[in-house]
C-alpha atoms as a PDB file:
ATOM      1  CA  UNK A   1       4.633  -3.539 -17.256  1.00  0.00           C
ATOM      2  CA  UNK A   2       5.321   0.039 -16.155  1.00  0.00           C
ATOM      3  CA  UNK A   3       7.693   2.206 -18.283  1.00  0.00           C
ATOM      4  CA  UNK A   4      11.311   2.391 -16.785  1.00  0.00           C
ATOM      5  CA  UNK A   5      12.404   5.073 -14.310  1.00  0.00           C
ATOM      6  CA  UNK A   6      13.575   7.875 -16.444  1.00  0.00           C
ATOM      7  CA  UNK A   7      16.136  10.697 -16.152  1.00  0.00           C
ATOM      8  CA  UNK A   8      15.382  14.283 -16.734  1.00  0.00           C
ATOM      9  CA  UNK A   9      18.299  17.096 -17.339  1.00  0.00           C
ATOM     10  CA  UNK A  10      17.221  20.647 -16.212  1.00  0.00           C
ATOM     11  CA  UNK A  11      19.169  23.078 -18.699  1.00  0.00           C
ATOM     12  CA  UNK A  12      22.220  21.015 -18.610  1.00  0.00           C
ATOM     13  CA  UNK A  13      25.257  23.154 -18.649  1.00  0.00           C
ATOM     14  CA  UNK A  14      27.789  20.871 -19.752  1.00  0.00           C
ATOM     15  CA  UNK A  15      28.257  19.036 -22.878  1.00  0.00           C
ATOM     16  CA  UNK A  16      30.290  16.023 -21.399  1.00  0.00           C
ATOM     17  CA  UNK A  17      28.142  15.651 -18.294  1.00  0.00           C
ATOM     18  CA  UNK A  18      25.065  15.273 -20.802  1.00  0.00           C
ATOM     19  CA  UNK A  19      26.899  13.054 -22.945  1.00  0.00           C
ATOM     20  CA  UNK A  20      27.702  10.953 -19.742  1.00  0.00           C
ATOM     21  CA  UNK A  21      24.288  10.718 -18.705  1.00  0.00           C
ATOM     22  CA  UNK A  22      22.725   9.693 -22.116  1.00  0.00           C
ATOM     23  CA  UNK A  23      25.552   6.833 -22.319  1.00  0.00           C
ATOM     24  CA  UNK A  24      24.331   5.702 -18.935  1.00  0.00           C
ATOM     25  CA  UNK A  25      20.503   5.832 -20.057  1.00  0.00           C
ATOM     26  CA  UNK A  26      21.633   4.040 -23.202  1.00  0.00           C
ATOM     27  CA  UNK A  27      23.092   1.076 -20.828  1.00  0.00           C
ATOM     28  CA  UNK A  28      20.612   0.749 -18.370  1.00  0.00           C
ATOM     29  CA  UNK A  29      17.624   1.535 -20.938  1.00  0.00           C
ATOM     30  CA  UNK A  30      16.363   4.534 -19.171  1.00  0.00           C
ATOM     31  CA  UNK A  31      14.808   7.428 -21.207  1.00  0.00           C
ATOM     32  CA  UNK A  32      16.594  10.649 -20.597  1.00  0.00           C
ATOM     33  CA  UNK A  33      14.493  13.643 -20.833  1.00  0.00           C
ATOM     34  CA  UNK A  34      16.476  17.047 -21.898  1.00  0.00           C
ATOM     35  CA  UNK A  35      14.867  20.436 -20.797  1.00  0.00           C
ATOM     36  CA  UNK A  36      16.225  23.160 -22.668  1.00  0.00           C
ATOM     37  CA  UNK A  37      17.803  25.574 -23.236  1.00  0.00           C
ATOM     38  CA  UNK A  38      21.046  23.954 -22.804  1.00  0.00           C
ATOM     39  CA  UNK A  39      24.216  25.948 -21.465  1.00  0.00           C
ATOM     40  CA  UNK A  40      26.141  24.815 -24.359  1.00  0.00           C
ATOM     41  CA  UNK A  41      25.252  24.131 -28.609  1.00  0.00           C
ATOM     42  CA  UNK A  42      23.237  21.271 -28.224  1.00  0.00           C
ATOM     43  CA  UNK A  43      24.312  18.853 -31.194  1.00  0.00           C
ATOM     44  CA  UNK A  44      25.379  15.417 -31.579  1.00  0.00           C
ATOM     45  CA  UNK A  45      29.180  16.796 -31.876  1.00  0.00           C
ATOM     46  CA  UNK A  46      29.134  18.468 -28.758  1.00  0.00           C
ATOM     47  CA  UNK A  47      27.759  15.439 -26.799  1.00  0.00           C
ATOM     48  CA  UNK A  48      30.070  12.388 -28.940  1.00  0.00           C
ATOM     49  CA  UNK A  49      33.071  12.833 -26.872  1.00  0.00           C
ATOM     50  CA  UNK A  50      31.563  11.236 -23.929  1.00  0.00           C
ATOM     51  CA  UNK A  51      28.219  10.184 -25.432  1.00  0.00           C
ATOM     52  CA  UNK A  52      30.223   8.218 -27.823  1.00  0.00           C
ATOM     53  CA  UNK A  53      28.220   5.450 -30.060  1.00  0.00           C
ATOM     54  CA  UNK A  54      25.773   5.112 -27.261  1.00  0.00           C
ATOM     55  CA  UNK A  55      23.750   8.185 -28.500  1.00  0.00           C
ATOM     56  CA  UNK A  56      22.559   5.877 -31.317  1.00  0.00           C
ATOM     57  CA  UNK A  57      20.594   3.731 -28.612  1.00  0.00           C
ATOM     58  CA  UNK A  58      19.644   6.175 -25.997  1.00  0.00           C
ATOM     59  CA  UNK A  59      15.672   7.024 -25.786  1.00  0.00           C
ATOM     60  CA  UNK A  60      16.076  10.820 -25.620  1.00  0.00           C
ATOM     61  CA  UNK A  61      13.398  13.270 -25.059  1.00  0.00           C
ATOM     62  CA  UNK A  62      13.740  17.112 -25.901  1.00  0.00           C
ATOM     63  CA  UNK A  63      11.375  19.571 -24.429  1.00  0.00           C
ATOM     64  CA  UNK A  64      11.817  22.880 -25.197  1.00  0.00           C
ATOM     65  CA  UNK A  65      10.915  24.325 -21.925  1.00  0.00           C
ATOM     66  CA  UNK A  66      10.218  23.301 -18.219  1.00  0.00           C
ATOM     67  CA  UNK A  67       6.709  24.301 -18.464  1.00  0.00           C
ATOM     68  CA  UNK A  68       6.224  21.932 -21.361  1.00  0.00           C
ATOM     69  CA  UNK A  69       8.037  18.896 -19.691  1.00  0.00           C
ATOM     70  CA  UNK A  70       5.947  19.609 -16.639  1.00  0.00           C
ATOM     71  CA  UNK A  71       2.815  19.850 -18.315  1.00  0.00           C
ATOM     72  CA  UNK A  72       3.773  16.201 -20.055  1.00  0.00           C
ATOM     73  CA  UNK A  73       5.250  14.609 -16.965  1.00  0.00           C
ATOM     74  CA  UNK A  74       1.647  15.669 -15.590  1.00  0.00           C
ATOM     75  CA  UNK A  75      -0.679  14.325 -18.191  1.00  0.00           C
ATOM     76  CA  UNK A  76       1.629  11.116 -18.118  1.00  0.00           C
ATOM     77  CA  UNK A  77       0.669  11.277 -14.300  1.00  0.00           C
ATOM     78  CA  UNK A  78       4.579  10.805 -13.423  1.00  0.00           C
ATOM     79  CA  UNK A  79       6.378  11.716 -10.134  1.00  0.00           C
ATOM     80  CA  UNK A  80       8.880  13.851 -10.420  1.00  0.00           C
ATOM     81  CA  UNK A  81      11.835  13.014  -7.923  1.00  0.00           C
ATOM     82  CA  UNK A  82      14.573  16.096  -7.534  1.00  0.00           C
ATOM     83  CA  UNK A  83      18.028  15.248  -6.835  1.00  0.00           C
ATOM     84  CA  UNK A  84      18.964  18.304  -4.361  1.00  0.00           C
ATOM     85  CA  UNK A  85      21.910  19.215  -1.869  1.00  0.00           C
ATOM     86  CA  UNK A  86      18.779  21.029  -0.264  1.00  0.00           C
ATOM     87  CA  UNK A  87      16.722  18.210   0.678  1.00  0.00           C
ATOM     88  CA  UNK A  88      16.353  16.516   3.958  1.00  0.00           C
ATOM     89  CA  UNK A  89      15.219  13.203   2.740  1.00  0.00           C
ATOM     90  CA  UNK A  90      18.477  10.585   2.100  1.00  0.00           C
ATOM     91  CA  UNK A  91      18.356   9.073  -1.245  1.00  0.00           C
ATOM     92  CA  UNK A  92      18.448   5.480   0.226  1.00  0.00           C
ATOM     93  CA  UNK A  93      15.704   6.373   2.910  1.00  0.00           C
ATOM     94  CA  UNK A  94      12.975   6.713   0.291  1.00  0.00           C
ATOM     95  CA  UNK A  95      10.677   4.511  -1.658  1.00  0.00           C
ATOM     96  CA  UNK A  96      11.088   4.775  -5.555  1.00  0.00           C
ATOM     97  CA  UNK A  97       8.277   4.234  -8.096  1.00  0.00           C
ATOM     98  CA  UNK A  98       8.613   2.271 -11.401  1.00  0.00           C
ATOM     99  CA  UNK A  99       8.039   5.385 -13.326  1.00  0.00           C
ATOM    100  CA  UNK A 100       9.301   8.036 -11.488  1.00  0.00           C
ATOM    101  CA  UNK A 101      11.552  10.895 -13.282  1.00  0.00           C
ATOM    102  CA  UNK A 102      14.867  11.620 -11.422  1.00  0.00           C
ATOM    103  CA  UNK A 103      15.749  15.212 -12.458  1.00  0.00           C
ATOM    104  CA  UNK A 104      19.149  16.485 -11.779  1.00  0.00           C
ATOM    105  CA  UNK A 105      19.530  20.617 -12.169  1.00  0.00           C
ATOM    106  CA  UNK A 106      22.338  22.682 -13.854  1.00  0.00           C
ATOM    107  CA  UNK A 107      25.617  22.237 -12.798  1.00  0.00           C
ATOM    108  CA  UNK A 108      26.176  25.644 -12.040  1.00  0.00           C
ATOM    109  CA  UNK A 109      23.155  26.464 -10.252  1.00  0.00           C
ATOM    110  CA  UNK A 110      20.753  23.678  -9.524  1.00  0.00           C
ATOM    111  CA  UNK A 111      16.764  24.533 -10.481  1.00  0.00           C
ATOM    112  CA  UNK A 112      15.194  27.631  -9.404  1.00  0.00           C
ATOM    113  CA  UNK A 113      12.972  27.558  -6.149  1.00  0.00           C
ATOM    114  CA  UNK A 114       9.504  27.285  -8.173  1.00  0.00           C
ATOM    115  CA  UNK A 115      10.568  24.104  -9.887  1.00  0.00           C
ATOM    116  CA  UNK A 116      12.295  22.467  -7.234  1.00  0.00           C
ATOM    117  CA  UNK A 117       8.788  23.261  -5.378  1.00  0.00           C
ATOM    118  CA  UNK A 118       7.106  21.489  -8.068  1.00  0.00           C
ATOM    119  CA  UNK A 119       8.795  18.309  -7.564  1.00  0.00           C
ATOM    120  CA  UNK A 120       6.660  15.808  -5.440  1.00  0.00           C
ATOM    121  CA  UNK A 121      10.003  14.460  -4.036  1.00  0.00           C
ATOM    122  CA  UNK A 122      13.081  16.091  -3.099  1.00  0.00           C
ATOM    123  CA  UNK A 123      16.255  13.450  -2.196  1.00  0.00           C
ATOM    124  CA  UNK A 124      19.673  14.205  -1.345  1.00  0.00           C
ATOM    125  CA  UNK A 125      22.920  11.910  -1.153  1.00  0.00           C
ATOM    126  CA  UNK A 126      24.650  12.050   2.068  1.00  0.00           C
ATOM    127  CA  UNK A 127      28.119  13.355   1.891  1.00  0.00           C
ATOM    128  CA  UNK A 128      31.069  14.783   4.404  1.00  0.00           C
ATOM    129  CA  UNK A 129      29.829  18.067   5.899  1.00  0.00           C
ATOM    130  CA  UNK A 130      32.250  19.995   4.281  1.00  0.00           C
ATOM    131  CA  UNK A 131      31.236  18.587   0.726  1.00  0.00           C
ATOM    132  CA  UNK A 132      29.179  21.167  -1.218  1.00  0.00           C
ATOM    133  CA  UNK A 133      28.382  18.648  -4.062  1.00  0.00           C
ATOM    134  CA  UNK A 134      29.048  15.735  -6.627  1.00  0.00           C
ATOM    135  CA  UNK A 135      29.057  15.981 -10.056  1.00  0.00           C
ATOM    136  CA  UNK A 136      25.787  15.774 -11.663  1.00  0.00           C
ATOM    137  CA  UNK A 137      26.476  12.577 -13.986  1.00  0.00           C
ATOM    138  CA  UNK A 138      27.811  10.694 -10.673  1.00  0.00           C
ATOM    139  CA  UNK A 139      24.912  12.073  -8.341  1.00  0.00           C
ATOM    140  CA  UNK A 140      22.463  10.856 -11.073  1.00  0.00           C
ATOM    141  CA  UNK A 141      23.860   7.375 -11.350  1.00  0.00           C
ATOM    142  CA  UNK A 142      24.156   7.293  -7.676  1.00  0.00           C
ATOM    143  CA  UNK A 143      20.255   7.461  -7.191  1.00  0.00           C
ATOM    144  CA  UNK A 144      19.360   6.008 -10.581  1.00  0.00           C
ATOM    145  CA  UNK A 145      20.966   2.663  -9.079  1.00  0.00           C
ATOM    146  CA  UNK A 146      19.165   3.074  -5.650  1.00  0.00           C
ATOM    147  CA  UNK A 147      16.018   3.559  -7.721  1.00  0.00           C
ATOM    148  CA  UNK A 148      16.442   0.479 -10.283  1.00  0.00           C
ATOM    149  CA  UNK A 149      17.463  -1.903  -7.403  1.00  0.00           C
ATOM    150  CA  UNK A 150      14.283  -1.131  -5.548  1.00  0.00           C
ATOM    151  CA  UNK A 151      11.991  -1.173  -8.616  1.00  0.00           C
ATOM    152  CA  UNK A 152      13.498  -4.256 -10.241  1.00  0.00           C
ATOM    153  CA  UNK A 153      14.940  -2.422 -13.061  1.00  0.00           C
ATOM    154  CA  UNK A 154      17.946  -4.308 -13.027  1.00  0.00           C
ATOM    155  CA  UNK A 155      15.988  -7.808 -13.344  1.00  0.00           C
ATOM    156  CA  UNK A 156      14.993  -6.509 -16.694  1.00  0.00           C
ATOM    157  CA  UNK A 157      18.074  -6.302 -17.730  1.00  0.00           C
ATOM    158  CA  UNK A 158      19.248  -9.867 -16.111  1.00  0.00           C
ATOM    159  CA  UNK A 159      20.780 -11.846 -18.937  1.00  0.00           C
ATOM    160  CA  UNK A 160      22.366  -8.918 -21.115  1.00  0.00           C
ATOM    161  CA  UNK A 161      25.900  -9.006 -21.840  1.00  0.00           C
ATOM    162  CA  UNK A 162      28.192  -7.487 -19.015  1.00  0.00           C
ATOM    163  CA  UNK A 163      30.159  -4.429 -20.029  1.00  0.00           C
ATOM    164  CA  UNK A 164      33.431  -3.342 -18.527  1.00  0.00           C
END
């Protein structure tokens, strides 16, 4: 069975969003890659409020730079899917693969152009024309849900107790 889809957070700025995404990873059995540096003092204490007790059950992988993350990713043969408002492909109009890595950028600035260019696929969430962007944790949740649906990721969770 292939490894599950993973999330990658590129230099996250906001501890609450990072904790929320770690909690999402724990609940859905999705590994979460943190690409440093972060825009906050990275610690369990900073993540505790939104990550709650889920921090103990998430598979969190830290990379001290994008270059090291990208080297690891390429060695593993994983496709990088960037969530960006600058993409032309809607998130629901693509075919996800079971071992994709879905990456979100910094809340304040996204990712630099050279990193966007390194992604094999760039997707966007369709929104109202006057809207700039969604919260990064909400965006990741929407796209992750579609990717898990397409790749059978929810089936492996079938039979697990539901949460409210």
